Structure formats: C-alpha cells, structure tokens
C-alpha atoms as a PDB file:
ATOM      1  CA  UNK A   1     194.181 -15.559 156.523  1.00  0.00           C
ATOM      2  CA  UNK A   2     192.542 -16.523 159.822  1.00  0.00           C
ATOM      3  CA  UNK A   3     194.924 -19.462 160.077  1.00  0.00           C
ATOM      4  CA  UNK A   4     197.905 -17.179 159.367  1.00  0.00           C
ATOM      5  CA  UNK A   5     196.729 -14.688 162.000  1.00  0.00           C
ATOM      6  CA  UNK A   6     196.223 -17.408 164.598  1.00  0.00           C
ATOM      7  CA  UNK A   7     199.677 -18.830 163.877  1.00  0.00           C
ATOM      8  CA  UNK A   8     201.293 -15.398 164.211  1.00  0.00           C
ATOM      9  CA  UNK A   9     199.565 -14.698 167.523  1.00  0.00           C
ATOM     10  CA  UNK A  10     200.471 -18.156 168.848  1.00  0.00           C
ATOM     11  CA  UNK A  11     204.086 -17.658 167.785  1.00  0.00           C
ATOM     12  CA  UNK A  12     204.230 -14.260 169.507  1.00  0.00           C
ATOM     13  CA  UNK A  13     202.760 -15.645 172.727  1.00  0.00           C
ATOM     14  CA  UNK A  14     205.145 -18.621 172.661  1.00  0.00           C
ATOM     15  CA  UNK A  15     208.155 -16.320 172.276  1.00  0.00           C
ATOM     16  CA  UNK A  16     206.951 -14.030 175.090  1.00  0.00           C
ATOM     17  CA  UNK A  17     206.407 -17.003 177.415  1.00  0.00           C
ATOM     18  CA  UNK A  18     209.586 -18.879 176.425  1.00  0.00           C
ATOM     19  CA  UNK A  19     211.512 -17.304 179.315  1.00  0.00           C
ATOM     20  CA  UNK A  20     208.926 -18.571 181.784  1.00  0.00           C
ATOM     21  CA  UNK A  21     208.931 -21.995 180.130  1.00  0.00           C
ATOM     22  CA  UNK A  22     212.728 -22.187 180.444  1.00  0.00           C
ATOM     23  CA  UNK A  23     212.413 -21.919 184.242  1.00  0.00           C
ATOM     24  CA  UNK A  24     209.940 -24.808 184.406  1.00  0.00           C
ATOM     25  CA  UNK A  25     209.525 -28.246 182.843  1.00  0.00           C
ATOM     26  CA  UNK A  26     207.290 -26.745 180.160  1.00  0.00           C
ATOM     27  CA  UNK A  27     208.427 -26.014 176.614  1.00  0.00           C
ATOM     28  CA  UNK A  28     207.312 -23.901 173.683  1.00  0.00           C
ATOM     29  CA  UNK A  29     206.134 -27.112 171.999  1.00  0.00           C
ATOM     30  CA  UNK A  30     203.671 -27.618 174.844  1.00  0.00           C
ATOM     31  CA  UNK A  31     202.539 -23.998 174.525  1.00  0.00           C
ATOM     32  CA  UNK A  32     201.798 -24.508 170.839  1.00  0.00           C
ATOM     33  CA  UNK A  33     199.883 -27.696 171.670  1.00  0.00           C
ATOM     34  CA  UNK A  34     197.708 -25.861 174.193  1.00  0.00           C
ATOM     35  CA  UNK A  35     197.218 -22.969 171.762  1.00  0.00           C
ATOM     36  CA  UNK A  36     196.098 -25.332 169.019  1.00  0.00           C
ATOM     37  CA  UNK A  37     193.570 -26.957 171.329  1.00  0.00           C
ATOM     38  CA  UNK A  38     192.175 -23.563 172.344  1.00  0.00           C
ATOM     39  CA  UNK A  39     191.641 -22.180 168.825  1.00  0.00           C
ATOM     40  CA  UNK A  40     190.243 -25.396 167.327  1.00  0.00           C
ATOM     41  CA  UNK A  41     186.633 -26.487 167.050  1.00  0.00           C
ATOM     42  CA  UNK A  42     186.667 -27.894 170.555  1.00  0.00           C
ATOM     43  CA  UNK A  43     186.867 -24.446 172.189  1.00  0.00           C
ATOM     44  CA  UNK A  44     187.030 -21.111 170.324  1.00  0.00           C
ATOM     45  CA  UNK A  45     186.415 -22.528 166.860  1.00  0.00           C
ATOM     46  CA  UNK A  46     188.701 -20.035 165.080  1.00  0.00           C
ATOM     47  CA  UNK A  47     190.196 -22.597 162.719  1.00  0.00           C
ATOM     48  CA  UNK A  48     188.590 -25.661 161.172  1.00  0.00           C
ATOM     49  CA  UNK A  49     191.062 -28.360 160.195  1.00  0.00           C
ATOM     50  CA  UNK A  50     189.996 -31.990 159.924  1.00  0.00           C
ATOM     51  CA  UNK A  51     192.380 -34.974 160.157  1.00  0.00           C
ATOM     52  CA  UNK A  52     191.981 -35.592 156.419  1.00  0.00           C
ATOM     53  CA  UNK A  53     192.869 -32.014 155.417  1.00  0.00           C
ATOM     54  CA  UNK A  54     195.787 -31.770 153.006  1.00  0.00           C
ATOM     55  CA  UNK A  55     197.589 -29.225 155.143  1.00  0.00           C
ATOM     56  CA  UNK A  56     197.737 -31.708 158.035  1.00  0.00           C
ATOM     57  CA  UNK A  57     199.595 -34.336 156.029  1.00  0.00           C
ATOM     58  CA  UNK A  58     201.997 -31.829 154.438  1.00  0.00           C
ATOM     59  CA  UNK A  59     202.763 -30.065 157.715  1.00  0.00           C
ATOM     60  CA  UNK A  60     203.292 -33.330 159.604  1.00  0.00           C
ATOM     61  CA  UNK A  61     205.525 -34.653 156.820  1.00  0.00           C
ATOM     62  CA  UNK A  62     207.696 -31.529 156.762  1.00  0.00           C
ATOM     63  CA  UNK A  63     207.849 -31.308 160.545  1.00  0.00           C
ATOM     64  CA  UNK A  64     208.946 -34.933 160.981  1.00  0.00           C
ATOM     65  CA  UNK A  65     211.522 -34.585 158.212  1.00  0.00           C
ATOM     66  CA  UNK A  66     212.958 -31.440 159.815  1.00  0.00           C
ATOM     67  CA  UNK A  67     213.036 -32.997 163.299  1.00  0.00           C
ATOM     68  CA  UNK A  68     214.827 -36.132 162.095  1.00  0.00           C
ATOM     69  CA  UNK A  69     217.290 -34.103 160.019  1.00  0.00           C
ATOM     70  CA  UNK A  70     218.264 -31.931 162.991  1.00  0.00           C
ATOM     71  CA  UNK A  71     218.293 -34.996 165.266  1.00  0.00           C
ATOM     72  CA  UNK A  72     220.808 -36.576 162.919  1.00  0.00           C
ATOM     73  CA  UNK A  73     222.962 -33.461 163.061  1.00  0.00           C
ATOM     74  CA  UNK A  74     223.032 -33.791 166.853  1.00  0.00           C
ATOM     75  CA  UNK A  75     224.605 -37.246 166.649  1.00  0.00           C
ATOM     76  CA  UNK A  76     228.289 -36.849 167.428  1.00  0.00           C
ATOM     77  CA  UNK A  77     230.252 -39.909 166.307  1.00  0.00           C
ATOM     78  CA  UNK A  78     233.402 -38.913 168.278  1.00  0.00           C
ATOM     79  CA  UNK A  79     231.288 -38.396 171.400  1.00  0.00           C
ATOM     80  CA  UNK A  80     229.603 -41.746 170.890  1.00  0.00           C
ATOM     81  CA  UNK A  81     232.988 -43.453 170.602  1.00  0.00           C
ATOM     82  CA  UNK A  82     234.068 -41.885 173.893  1.00  0.00           C
ATOM     83  CA  UNK A  83     230.899 -42.750 175.839  1.00  0.00           C
ATOM     84  CA  UNK A  84     228.980 -45.463 174.063  1.00  0.00           C
ATOM     85  CA  UNK A  85     228.240 -47.957 176.831  1.00  0.00           C
ATOM     86  CA  UNK A  86     225.295 -46.284 178.564  1.00  0.00           C
ATOM     87  CA  UNK A  87     223.577 -45.156 175.319  1.00  0.00           C
ATOM     88  CA  UNK A  88     224.139 -48.659 173.909  1.00  0.00           C
ATOM     89  CA  UNK A  89     222.439 -50.207 176.940  1.00  0.00           C
ATOM     90  CA  UNK A  90     219.532 -47.754 176.669  1.00  0.00           C
ATOM     91  CA  UNK A  91     219.083 -48.359 172.934  1.00  0.00           C
ATOM     92  CA  UNK A  92     219.933 -52.056 172.766  1.00  0.00           C
ATOM     93  CA  UNK A  93     218.258 -53.207 175.967  1.00  0.00           C
ATOM     94  CA  UNK A  94     216.048 -50.472 177.439  1.00  0.00           C
ATOM     95  CA  UNK A  95     214.145 -49.519 174.297  1.00  0.00           C
ATOM     96  CA  UNK A  96     213.372 -53.124 173.189  1.00  0.00           C
ATOM     97  CA  UNK A  97     212.176 -53.979 176.719  1.00  0.00           C
ATOM     98  CA  UNK A  98     209.924 -50.895 176.740  1.00  0.00           C
ATOM     99  CA  UNK A  99     208.700 -51.872 173.269  1.00  0.00           C
ATOM    100  CA  UNK A 100     207.682 -55.391 174.385  1.00  0.00           C
ATOM    101  CA  UNK A 101     206.302 -54.235 177.754  1.00  0.00           C
ATOM    102  CA  UNK A 102     204.032 -51.623 176.143  1.00  0.00           C
ATOM    103  CA  UNK A 103     202.876 -54.149 173.536  1.00  0.00           C
ATOM    104  CA  UNK A 104     201.929 -56.623 176.271  1.00  0.00           C
ATOM    105  CA  UNK A 105     200.010 -53.970 178.213  1.00  0.00           C
ATOM    106  CA  UNK A 106     198.207 -52.814 175.060  1.00  0.00           C
ATOM    107  CA  UNK A 107     197.249 -56.365 174.079  1.00  0.00           C
ATOM    108  CA  UNK A 108     196.031 -57.620 177.459  1.00  0.00           C
ATOM    109  CA  UNK A 109     194.527 -54.441 178.897  1.00  0.00           C
ATOM    110  CA  UNK A 110     193.146 -52.749 175.768  1.00  0.00           C
ATOM    111  CA  UNK A 111     192.449 -55.911 173.800  1.00  0.00           C
ATOM    112  CA  UNK A 112     194.136 -54.946 170.519  1.00  0.00           C
ATOM    113  CA  UNK A 113     195.578 -57.603 168.237  1.00  0.00           C
ATOM    114  CA  UNK A 114     199.278 -58.398 168.483  1.00  0.00           C
ATOM    115  CA  UNK A 115     200.385 -56.478 165.378  1.00  0.00           C
ATOM    116  CA  UNK A 116     198.595 -53.298 166.465  1.00  0.00           C
ATOM    117  CA  UNK A 117     199.863 -53.761 170.025  1.00  0.00           C
ATOM    118  CA  UNK A 118     203.462 -54.019 168.847  1.00  0.00           C
ATOM    119  CA  UNK A 119     202.893 -50.985 166.632  1.00  0.00           C
ATOM    120  CA  UNK A 120     201.776 -48.990 169.684  1.00  0.00           C
ATOM    121  CA  UNK A 121     204.842 -50.252 171.561  1.00  0.00           C
ATOM    122  CA  UNK A 122     207.183 -49.244 168.731  1.00  0.00           C
ATOM    123  CA  UNK A 123     205.664 -45.758 168.607  1.00  0.00           C
ATOM    124  CA  UNK A 124     205.820 -45.186 172.372  1.00  0.00           C
ATOM    125  CA  UNK A 125     209.121 -46.892 173.226  1.00  0.00           C
ATOM    126  CA  UNK A 126     211.483 -44.104 172.028  1.00  0.00           C
ATOM    127  CA  UNK A 127     212.048 -41.326 174.562  1.00  0.00           C
ATOM    128  CA  UNK A 128     209.661 -38.436 174.041  1.00  0.00           C
ATOM    129  CA  UNK A 129     211.568 -35.407 172.662  1.00  0.00           C
ATOM    130  CA  UNK A 130     209.662 -32.863 174.773  1.00  0.00           C
ATOM    131  CA  UNK A 131     210.327 -34.857 177.940  1.00  0.00           C
ATOM    132  CA  UNK A 132     213.991 -35.311 177.063  1.00  0.00           C
ATOM    133  CA  UNK A 133     214.528 -31.622 176.275  1.00  0.00           C
ATOM    134  CA  UNK A 134     212.918 -30.609 179.582  1.00  0.00           C
ATOM    135  CA  UNK A 135     215.303 -32.897 181.506  1.00  0.00           C
ATOM    136  CA  UNK A 136     218.476 -32.306 179.488  1.00  0.00           C
ATOM    137  CA  UNK A 137     218.299 -28.557 180.021  1.00  0.00           C
ATOM    138  CA  UNK A 138     218.183 -28.693 183.830  1.00  0.00           C
ATOM    139  CA  UNK A 139     221.548 -28.321 185.588  1.00  0.00           C
ATOM    140  CA  UNK A 140     220.367 -30.084 188.749  1.00  0.00           C
ATOM    141  CA  UNK A 141     220.074 -33.338 186.780  1.00  0.00           C
ATOM    142  CA  UNK A 142     223.371 -35.282 186.912  1.00  0.00           C
ATOM    143  CA  UNK A 143     225.499 -34.704 183.821  1.00  0.00           C
ATOM    144  CA  UNK A 144     225.786 -38.439 183.167  1.00  0.00           C
ATOM    145  CA  UNK A 145     222.006 -38.809 183.035  1.00  0.00           C
ATOM    146  CA  UNK A 146     221.574 -35.709 180.850  1.00  0.00           C
ATOM    147  CA  UNK A 147     224.217 -37.040 178.469  1.00  0.00           C
ATOM    148  CA  UNK A 148     222.527 -40.430 178.307  1.00  0.00           C
ATOM    149  CA  UNK A 149     219.066 -38.969 177.608  1.00  0.00           C
ATOM    150  CA  UNK A 150     220.462 -36.631 174.990  1.00  0.00           C
ATOM    151  CA  UNK A 151     222.212 -39.348 172.993  1.00  0.00           C
ATOM    152  CA  UNK A 152     219.388 -41.887 173.341  1.00  0.00           C
ATOM    153  CA  UNK A 153     216.658 -39.416 172.396  1.00  0.00           C
ATOM    154  CA  UNK A 154     218.675 -38.263 169.391  1.00  0.00           C
ATOM    155  CA  UNK A 155     219.169 -41.733 167.900  1.00  0.00           C
ATOM    156  CA  UNK A 156     216.085 -43.737 168.870  1.00  0.00           C
ATOM    157  CA  UNK A 157     213.811 -42.230 166.192  1.00  0.00           C
ATOM    158  CA  UNK A 158     216.048 -43.471 163.407  1.00  0.00           C
ATOM    159  CA  UNK A 159     216.204 -46.956 164.940  1.00  0.00           C
ATOM    160  CA  UNK A 160     212.477 -47.263 165.632  1.00  0.00           C
ATOM    161  CA  UNK A 161     211.319 -45.892 162.279  1.00  0.00           C
ATOM    162  CA  UNK A 162     211.861 -49.063 160.154  1.00  0.00           C
ATOM    163  CA  UNK A 163     210.027 -51.179 162.743  1.00  0.00           C
ATOM    164  CA  UNK A 164     207.094 -48.744 162.807  1.00  0.00           C
ATOM    165  CA  UNK A 165     206.824 -48.705 159.012  1.00  0.00           C
ATOM    166  CA  UNK A 166     206.909 -52.490 158.739  1.00  0.00           C
ATOM    167  CA  UNK A 167     204.238 -52.880 161.420  1.00  0.00           C
ATOM    168  CA  UNK A 168     202.052 -50.253 159.719  1.00  0.00           C
ATOM    169  CA  UNK A 169     202.295 -52.229 156.480  1.00  0.00           C
ATOM    170  CA  UNK A 170     201.412 -55.455 158.288  1.00  0.00           C
ATOM    171  CA  UNK A 171     198.457 -53.881 160.116  1.00  0.00           C
ATOM    172  CA  UNK A 172     197.088 -51.919 157.158  1.00  0.00           C
ATOM    173  CA  UNK A 173     194.533 -52.832 154.479  1.00  0.00           C
ATOM    174  CA  UNK A 174     197.231 -54.629 152.496  1.00  0.00           C
ATOM    175  CA  UNK A 175     198.064 -56.924 155.404  1.00  0.00           C
ATOM    176  CA  UNK A 176     197.390 -59.932 153.187  1.00  0.00           C
ATOM    177  CA  UNK A 177     200.317 -58.852 151.018  1.00  0.00           C
ATOM    178  CA  UNK A 178     202.646 -58.335 153.978  1.00  0.00           C
ATOM    179  CA  UNK A 179     205.610 -59.915 152.212  1.00  0.00           C
ATOM    180  CA  UNK A 180     205.263 -57.638 149.181  1.00  0.00           C
ATOM    181  CA  UNK A 181     204.714 -54.648 151.443  1.00  0.00           C
ATOM    182  CA  UNK A 182     207.779 -55.549 153.488  1.00  0.00           C
ATOM    183  CA  UNK A 183     209.856 -55.794 150.310  1.00  0.00           C
ATOM    184  CA  UNK A 184     208.611 -52.423 149.083  1.00  0.00           C
ATOM    185  CA  UNK A 185     209.286 -50.788 152.439  1.00  0.00           C
ATOM    186  CA  UNK A 186     212.722 -52.410 152.551  1.00  0.00           C
ATOM    187  CA  UNK A 187     213.518 -50.917 149.140  1.00  0.00           C
ATOM    188  CA  UNK A 188     212.244 -47.490 150.234  1.00  0.00           C
ATOM    189  CA  UNK A 189     214.350 -47.645 153.398  1.00  0.00           C
ATOM    190  CA  UNK A 190     217.442 -48.742 151.465  1.00  0.00           C
ATOM    191  CA  UNK A 191     217.006 -45.908 148.951  1.00  0.00           C
ATOM    192  CA  UNK A 192     216.431 -43.413 151.752  1.00  0.00           C
ATOM    193  CA  UNK A 193     219.572 -44.551 153.553  1.00  0.00           C
ATOM    194  CA  UNK A 194     221.580 -44.388 150.323  1.00  0.00           C
ATOM    195  CA  UNK A 195     220.368 -40.864 149.515  1.00  0.00           C
ATOM    196  CA  UNK A 196     220.959 -39.793 153.097  1.00  0.00           C
ATOM    197  CA  UNK A 197     224.576 -40.915 152.944  1.00  0.00           C
ATOM    198  CA  UNK A 198     225.509 -40.030 149.377  1.00  0.00           C
ATOM    199  CA  UNK A 199     223.946 -36.565 149.060  1.00  0.00           C
ATOM    200  CA  UNK A 200     225.813 -34.985 152.023  1.00  0.00           C
ATOM    201  CA  UNK A 201     229.045 -36.551 150.778  1.00  0.00           C
ATOM    202  CA  UNK A 202     228.408 -35.100 147.322  1.00  0.00           C
ATOM    203  CA  UNK A 203     227.602 -31.642 148.732  1.00  0.00           C
ATOM    204  CA  UNK A 204     230.683 -31.747 150.954  1.00  0.00           C
ATOM    205  CA  UNK A 205     232.792 -32.684 147.927  1.00  0.00           C
ATOM    206  CA  UNK A 206     231.443 -29.698 146.006  1.00  0.00           C
ATOM    207  CA  UNK A 207     232.147 -27.353 148.914  1.00  0.00           C
ATOM    208  CA  UNK A 208     235.744 -28.551 149.161  1.00  0.00           C
ATOM    209  CA  UNK A 209     236.304 -28.371 145.403  1.00  0.00           C
ATOM    210  CA  UNK A 210     239.120 -25.938 144.733  1.00  0.00           C
ATOM    211  CA  UNK A 211     237.141 -23.665 142.396  1.00  0.00           C
ATOM    212  CA  UNK A 212     234.074 -23.576 144.658  1.00  0.00           C
ATOM    213  CA  UNK A 213     233.385 -22.838 148.305  1.00  0.00           C
ATOM    214  CA  UNK A 214     230.790 -21.255 150.539  1.00  0.00           C
ATOM    215  CA  UNK A 215     231.194 -17.825 152.060  1.00  0.00           C
ATOM    216  CA  UNK A 216     231.228 -18.187 155.884  1.00  0.00           C
ATOM    217  CA  UNK A 217     228.083 -16.130 156.452  1.00  0.00           C
ATOM    218  CA  UNK A 218     226.190 -18.301 153.955  1.00  0.00           C
ATOM    219  CA  UNK A 219     227.370 -21.639 155.354  1.00  0.00           C
ATOM    220  CA  UNK A 220     224.217 -22.075 157.492  1.00  0.00           C
ATOM    221  CA  UNK A 221     222.304 -22.397 154.201  1.00  0.00           C
ATOM    222  CA  UNK A 222     224.248 -25.524 153.192  1.00  0.00           C
ATOM    223  CA  UNK A 223     222.342 -27.884 155.537  1.00  0.00           C
ATOM    224  CA  UNK A 224     219.103 -26.161 154.561  1.00  0.00           C
ATOM    225  CA  UNK A 225     219.786 -26.594 150.841  1.00  0.00           C
ATOM    226  CA  UNK A 226     220.831 -30.208 151.403  1.00  0.00           C
ATOM    227  CA  UNK A 227     217.638 -30.911 153.319  1.00  0.00           C
ATOM    228  CA  UNK A 228     215.399 -29.314 150.684  1.00  0.00           C
ATOM    229  CA  UNK A 229     217.052 -31.270 147.851  1.00  0.00           C
ATOM    230  CA  UNK A 230     216.888 -34.496 149.846  1.00  0.00           C
ATOM    231  CA  UNK A 231     213.204 -34.018 150.685  1.00  0.00           C
ATOM    232  CA  UNK A 232     212.281 -33.435 147.049  1.00  0.00           C
ATOM    233  CA  UNK A 233     214.504 -36.277 145.819  1.00  0.00           C
ATOM    234  CA  UNK A 234     212.930 -38.766 148.210  1.00  0.00           C
ATOM    235  CA  UNK A 235     209.385 -37.832 147.229  1.00  0.00           C
ATOM    236  CA  UNK A 236     210.219 -37.989 143.529  1.00  0.00           C
ATOM    237  CA  UNK A 237     211.754 -41.475 143.824  1.00  0.00           C
ATOM    238  CA  UNK A 238     209.511 -42.825 146.641  1.00  0.00           C
ATOM    239  CA  UNK A 239     212.541 -43.294 148.872  1.00  0.00           C
ATOM    240  CA  UNK A 240     211.854 -43.079 152.583  1.00  0.00           C
ATOM    241  CA  UNK A 241     212.387 -39.401 153.492  1.00  0.00           C
ATOM    242  CA  UNK A 242     212.577 -39.933 157.261  1.00  0.00           C
ATOM    243  CA  UNK A 243     215.450 -42.396 157.350  1.00  0.00           C
ATOM    244  CA  UNK A 244     217.123 -40.270 154.669  1.00  0.00           C
ATOM    245  CA  UNK A 245     216.728 -37.154 156.825  1.00  0.00           C
ATOM    246  CA  UNK A 246     218.223 -38.755 159.936  1.00  0.00           C
ATOM    247  CA  UNK A 247     221.151 -40.367 158.139  1.00  0.00           C
ATOM    248  CA  UNK A 248     221.851 -37.212 156.107  1.00  0.00           C
ATOM    249  CA  UNK A 249     221.966 -35.075 159.233  1.00  0.00           C
ATOM    250  CA  UNK A 250     224.396 -37.456 160.917  1.00  0.00           C
ATOM    251  CA  UNK A 251     226.655 -37.737 157.852  1.00  0.00           C
ATOM    252  CA  UNK A 252     226.620 -33.990 157.206  1.00  0.00           C
ATOM    253  CA  UNK A 253     227.566 -33.231 160.810  1.00  0.00           C
ATOM    254  CA  UNK A 254     230.402 -35.747 160.573  1.00  0.00           C
ATOM    255  CA  UNK A 255     231.952 -34.724 157.239  1.00  0.00           C
ATOM    256  CA  UNK A 256     231.251 -30.990 157.490  1.00  0.00           C
ATOM    257  CA  UNK A 257     231.415 -29.916 161.149  1.00  0.00           C
ATOM    258  CA  UNK A 258     231.848 -26.292 160.127  1.00  0.00           C
ATOM    259  CA  UNK A 259     228.441 -26.334 158.418  1.00  0.00           C
ATOM    260  CA  UNK A 260     226.890 -27.964 161.471  1.00  0.00           C
ATOM    261  CA  UNK A 261     228.404 -25.395 163.829  1.00  0.00           C
ATOM    262  CA  UNK A 262     227.276 -22.542 161.597  1.00  0.00           C
ATOM    263  CA  UNK A 263     223.768 -24.001 161.407  1.00  0.00           C
ATOM    264  CA  UNK A 264     223.681 -24.597 165.167  1.00  0.00           C
ATOM    265  CA  UNK A 265     224.853 -21.061 165.889  1.00  0.00           C
ATOM    266  CA  UNK A 266     222.278 -19.418 163.628  1.00  0.00           C
ATOM    267  CA  UNK A 267     219.266 -21.640 164.299  1.00  0.00           C
ATOM    268  CA  UNK A 268     219.573 -24.437 166.815  1.00  0.00           C
ATOM    269  CA  UNK A 269     221.745 -22.692 169.391  1.00  0.00           C
ATOM    270  CA  UNK A 270     219.315 -19.793 169.572  1.00  0.00           C
ATOM    271  CA  UNK A 271     216.490 -22.205 170.261  1.00  0.00           C
ATOM    272  CA  UNK A 272     218.602 -23.931 172.919  1.00  0.00           C
ATOM    273  CA  UNK A 273     219.274 -20.632 174.637  1.00  0.00           C
ATOM    274  CA  UNK A 274     215.529 -19.977 174.799  1.00  0.00           C
ATOM    275  CA  UNK A 275     215.198 -23.186 176.794  1.00  0.00           C
ATOM    276  CA  UNK A 276     218.144 -22.405 179.058  1.00  0.00           C
ATOM    277  CA  UNK A 277     220.391 -25.047 177.486  1.00  0.00           C
ATOM    278  CA  UNK A 278     224.113 -25.016 177.054  1.00  0.00           C
ATOM    279  CA  UNK A 279     226.315 -26.165 174.225  1.00  0.00           C
ATOM    280  CA  UNK A 280     228.966 -28.860 174.251  1.00  0.00           C
ATOM    281  CA  UNK A 281     229.792 -32.088 172.477  1.00  0.00           C
ATOM    282  CA  UNK A 282     226.205 -33.258 172.947  1.00  0.00           C
ATOM    283  CA  UNK A 283     223.763 -30.785 171.451  1.00  0.00           C
ATOM    284  CA  UNK A 284     220.250 -31.283 172.878  1.00  0.00           C
ATOM    285  CA  UNK A 285     217.525 -32.054 170.389  1.00  0.00           C
ATOM    286  CA  UNK A 286     214.812 -29.487 169.795  1.00  0.00           C
END
C-alpha cells in the first residue's frame, strides 16, 4: 500500500505541475523520474525495489510495449509519402552514423569490447523521446525541424530494436551460440511482425463486418483491446512483443483511422494538450 500511496501522490504532483512543465523544456516524465529518485532508498527510503524485483520487469515490459504501440499509431503513411526525404536522411544516414560514432567513443574511451560498444551505440542512437517531445511542442522551433524530429523519433525505435536484440544475444552468456541465438531472435521478430500486421487487419475486418460494428463512444477501446490481445499472444507464443506493438500500431492507424482518431482524442490528445502540443498530420509521441 505504501507503493500505491507514493504513486498516487507522485501522479497528483505531476498533474499539478504539468502546466509549469509545458512552459519549459521539462516534462511529466522527468517529474516522475525525480520523484522516483526522491522516494527510493537513496533519499527518503519510502519504497524498496531492487533491480531484480518482479515488478520492475513487468512494469518495464508493459511500459515499453505501450510506448511502441502508441509510437506506431503516430506513424502516418500518407504524411511520410508527402515528406519522406528528410526523415529518410535522418533514419538512413544520421542514425547509423550516430550508432557507429557512439560505439567508437565507448570502445576507445571506456574500454568496452566491440560487441558491447555497438550495443551501447544502438541503444543511444535513436532520438530520446523526452528530448523530442520537449522540442516538438515548442512553436518557436521551425516547423520543418519539428516535423523531422517527430517522424524520426516515432520510427527509430522500431528500426533499432532488432539490432539491439541481436547484439544482446551476441554479448550475453550464450555468446558462444550466437548463430543459434540469432536464428531464434530472427524467428521471434518474424512472428512479432506477422502478429503485428495480421491482428489489426483481422480486428478491422471484424469491425467492418456487416453484422458487427463498434459504437462510436466505445471505439477508443478497439486499440486497447487489440493491444491487450497482442501482448498476451506474443508472450504465449514467444513472439517479440515490441516489434509486434510498433507494427500493430502503424497498421491499425492506417487501416482504421477512425479508431486512431478516437483513441487520440480520448487519451493521447489530452496528454498532448498538457504539454502544450497541437494536433495535425504528425502526432507527437508521448
């Protein structure tokens, strides 16, 4: 109950300070980070959670799945077709260069082996979501730059994820079986991508079936139900849930824009308003 109380108080404080955060480069995510540091063992000692606690793994897993799912829903294929050059340069040239540059720095300055160095580079190369959201929401930043950051930060996680997983397998205890690990990860990624594409198409087909259909006020629950089913399906079959989440969000937003708009209006758009953001063809990531 102490953990529940601390979470409730932190949530209340974050909401009360969200207006102040919207006028600065801060964000509610940063407020939660500071709050967690204050109530942990390092300061007040109100909660005691170790890195190997079960709640840490479950919470991180759910949080990453939710972030990637909503990131996928922010990918607008028509918008990408209209303005693909700058995001393509950022993703195809900028991110790989940052990946290699960070790996070189990590290897020569920190002294880590090459596999671990490239793993650090793959983790750090994608644009940080908190940084991107702080920039995208500011009107004084040129619209072209805000558009570029929004698209790049919404897609880079899905592109970097397979590389990160393969490097983790190569650097882990089973590094001697790297080929087998790579094959297993490849199968998990392929299954995740397949589930992420097929499940939203199946749900969209059910919604458009003549004898079925969702009531407008309940349409925001369609993405939620799809995400819950997908999360459980991936864990039951050992498919990669993160690639599945990103691809499912993108496919669902493409084939069922009405569900995306309803979900954005009820959940995401409210969060964007708290950060002083505006809507449009490019919806900033949370």
